[in-house]
Protein backbone atom coordinates (compact mmCIF):
# COMPACT_ATOMS: atom_id res chain seq x y z
CA UNK A 1 140.71 133.27 -9.67
CA UNK A 2 138.11 130.99 -8.64
CA UNK A 3 136.15 132.19 -5.59
CA UNK A 4 135.50 129.39 -2.93
CA UNK A 5 132.34 128.96 -0.47
CA UNK A 6 131.67 132.57 -0.07
CA UNK A 7 129.30 132.34 2.98
CA UNK A 8 132.02 131.24 4.89
CA UNK A 9 134.07 133.81 3.49
CA UNK A 10 131.34 136.52 4.91
CA UNK A 11 130.61 134.55 8.16
CA UNK A 12 134.37 134.28 8.81
CA UNK A 13 134.74 138.39 8.62
CA UNK A 14 131.48 138.83 10.73
CA UNK A 15 132.70 136.69 13.41
CA UNK A 16 135.88 138.42 13.89
CA UNK A 17 134.85 142.01 13.52
CA UNK A 18 132.01 140.91 16.14
CA UNK A 19 134.70 139.49 17.99
CA UNK A 20 136.62 142.73 17.95
CA UNK A 21 140.23 141.48 16.77
CA UNK A 22 142.16 141.88 13.63
CA UNK A 23 143.01 139.61 10.93
CA UNK A 24 146.60 139.50 12.75
CA UNK A 25 145.37 138.99 16.16
CA UNK A 26 143.01 135.92 14.87
CA UNK A 27 145.73 134.50 12.50
CA UNK A 28 147.99 134.30 16.07
CA UNK A 29 145.33 132.74 17.95
CA UNK A 30 144.72 129.96 15.11
CA UNK A 31 148.53 129.98 14.05
CA UNK A 32 148.60 130.68 10.95
CA UNK A 33 149.89 133.73 8.39
CA UNK A 34 147.48 136.93 8.29
CA UNK A 35 147.48 136.33 4.30
CA UNK A 36 145.49 133.23 5.22
CA UNK A 37 143.11 134.87 6.93
CA UNK A 38 142.84 137.63 4.04
CA UNK A 39 142.68 135.29 1.31
CA UNK A 40 139.50 133.03 3.70
CA UNK A 41 137.87 136.23 4.49
CA UNK A 42 138.04 137.49 0.39
CA UNK A 43 136.85 133.81 -0.71
CA UNK A 44 139.89 133.40 -2.14
CA UNK A 45 140.79 129.89 -0.44
CA UNK A 46 139.58 128.01 2.02
CA UNK A 47 141.42 126.67 5.13
CA UNK A 48 142.47 123.01 5.95
CA UNK A 49 139.70 121.11 8.79
CA UNK A 50 141.85 121.49 11.09
CA UNK A 51 141.75 125.17 10.50
CA UNK A 52 138.04 125.44 10.46
CA UNK A 53 138.32 123.48 13.95
CA UNK A 54 140.05 126.07 15.36
CA UNK A 55 138.08 128.46 14.22
CA UNK A 56 135.19 126.90 15.93
CA UNK A 57 136.73 126.54 18.97
CA UNK A 58 138.28 130.35 18.92
CA UNK A 59 134.30 131.57 18.33
CA UNK A 60 132.57 129.42 20.39
CA UNK A 61 130.24 128.36 17.58
CA UNK A 62 129.36 125.26 15.91
CA UNK A 63 131.08 124.44 12.48
CA UNK A 64 127.71 124.46 10.36
CA UNK A 65 127.34 127.96 11.54
CA UNK A 66 130.81 128.79 10.59
CA UNK A 67 130.84 127.34 7.11
CA UNK A 68 127.28 129.29 6.19
CA UNK A 69 125.69 126.34 6.90
CA UNK A 70 123.07 127.18 10.25
CA UNK A 71 121.58 130.65 10.58
CA UNK A 72 122.08 130.86 14.45
CA UNK A 73 125.74 130.04 16.14
CA UNK A 74 124.88 126.82 18.33
CA UNK A 75 123.55 127.33 21.45
CA UNK A 76 124.15 124.09 22.74
CA UNK A 77 127.25 123.48 21.69
CA UNK A 78 129.89 122.00 24.68
CA UNK A 79 132.57 124.76 25.28
CA UNK A 80 135.83 123.16 27.09
CA UNK A 81 134.31 119.91 27.52
CA UNK A 82 130.60 121.40 29.39
CA UNK A 83 127.79 122.23 27.74
CA UNK A 84 126.79 125.38 27.27
CA UNK A 85 123.78 126.84 29.92
CA UNK A 86 122.87 129.82 28.10
CA UNK A 87 124.64 132.61 25.79
CA UNK A 88 125.54 135.62 27.39
CA UNK A 89 124.93 138.23 24.66
CA UNK A 90 122.53 140.14 26.54
CA UNK A 91 124.72 141.18 29.70
CA UNK A 92 125.81 144.48 29.49
CA UNK A 93 129.99 144.31 29.67
CA UNK A 94 132.50 147.07 30.52
CA UNK A 95 135.17 147.55 28.11
CA UNK A 96 137.83 145.96 30.50
CA UNK A 97 134.95 143.19 30.77
CA UNK A 98 135.55 142.89 27.26
CA UNK A 99 138.87 142.76 27.11
CA UNK A 100 139.35 140.02 29.76
CA UNK A 101 136.77 137.92 28.45
CA UNK A 102 138.64 138.13 25.12
CA UNK A 103 142.27 137.23 26.62
CA UNK A 104 140.83 134.20 28.29
CA UNK A 105 139.09 133.30 25.64
CA UNK A 106 142.69 133.02 23.86
CA UNK A 107 144.06 130.96 26.56
CA UNK A 108 144.44 126.82 26.72
CA UNK A 109 141.89 124.94 27.98
CA UNK A 110 143.88 123.82 31.21
CA UNK A 111 144.88 127.93 31.74
CA UNK A 112 140.89 128.47 31.94
CA UNK A 113 140.57 125.44 34.23
CA UNK A 114 143.54 127.40 36.79
CA UNK A 115 141.22 130.36 36.57
CA UNK A 116 138.01 129.12 36.87
CA UNK A 117 139.31 127.26 40.39
CA UNK A 118 141.11 130.31 41.18
CA UNK A 119 137.71 132.42 40.63
CA UNK A 120 135.92 130.07 42.30
CA UNK A 121 138.23 130.34 45.66
CA UNK A 122 137.98 134.14 45.51
CA UNK A 123 134.27 134.07 45.39
CA UNK A 124 133.91 131.33 48.36
CA UNK A 125 135.97 133.88 50.65
CA UNK A 126 134.00 136.77 49.30
CA UNK A 127 131.01 134.85 50.42
CA UNK A 128 132.18 133.80 53.87
CA UNK A 129 133.22 137.77 54.52
CA UNK A 130 129.81 138.80 54.10
């Protein structure tokens, strides 16, 4: 059996484990089978470009990073059509906050926009009450 891009396979597993998601969870999020994720991580098969694009969006990293061409996840890549100001990997978060952020990242853009509007409205209300 021919091995594929080993750097991609390693990077995918690294990203998935860092995100704290199982193969099954990732598979559901990008709409493939668990077996596909397993094959990709073991270098037995490679995904179609449409799935690589879904991985890029899911993990919030550039295509070049995911395929192993770049060593750093692109900190200037756009997220949901907006330029990213900074990465927040240096900010301590609770288990609940991590869980909420993980759930948020799995949502479609229109739902994320609705959540952002709601949070902004709540923040304005809190600010007026202070």
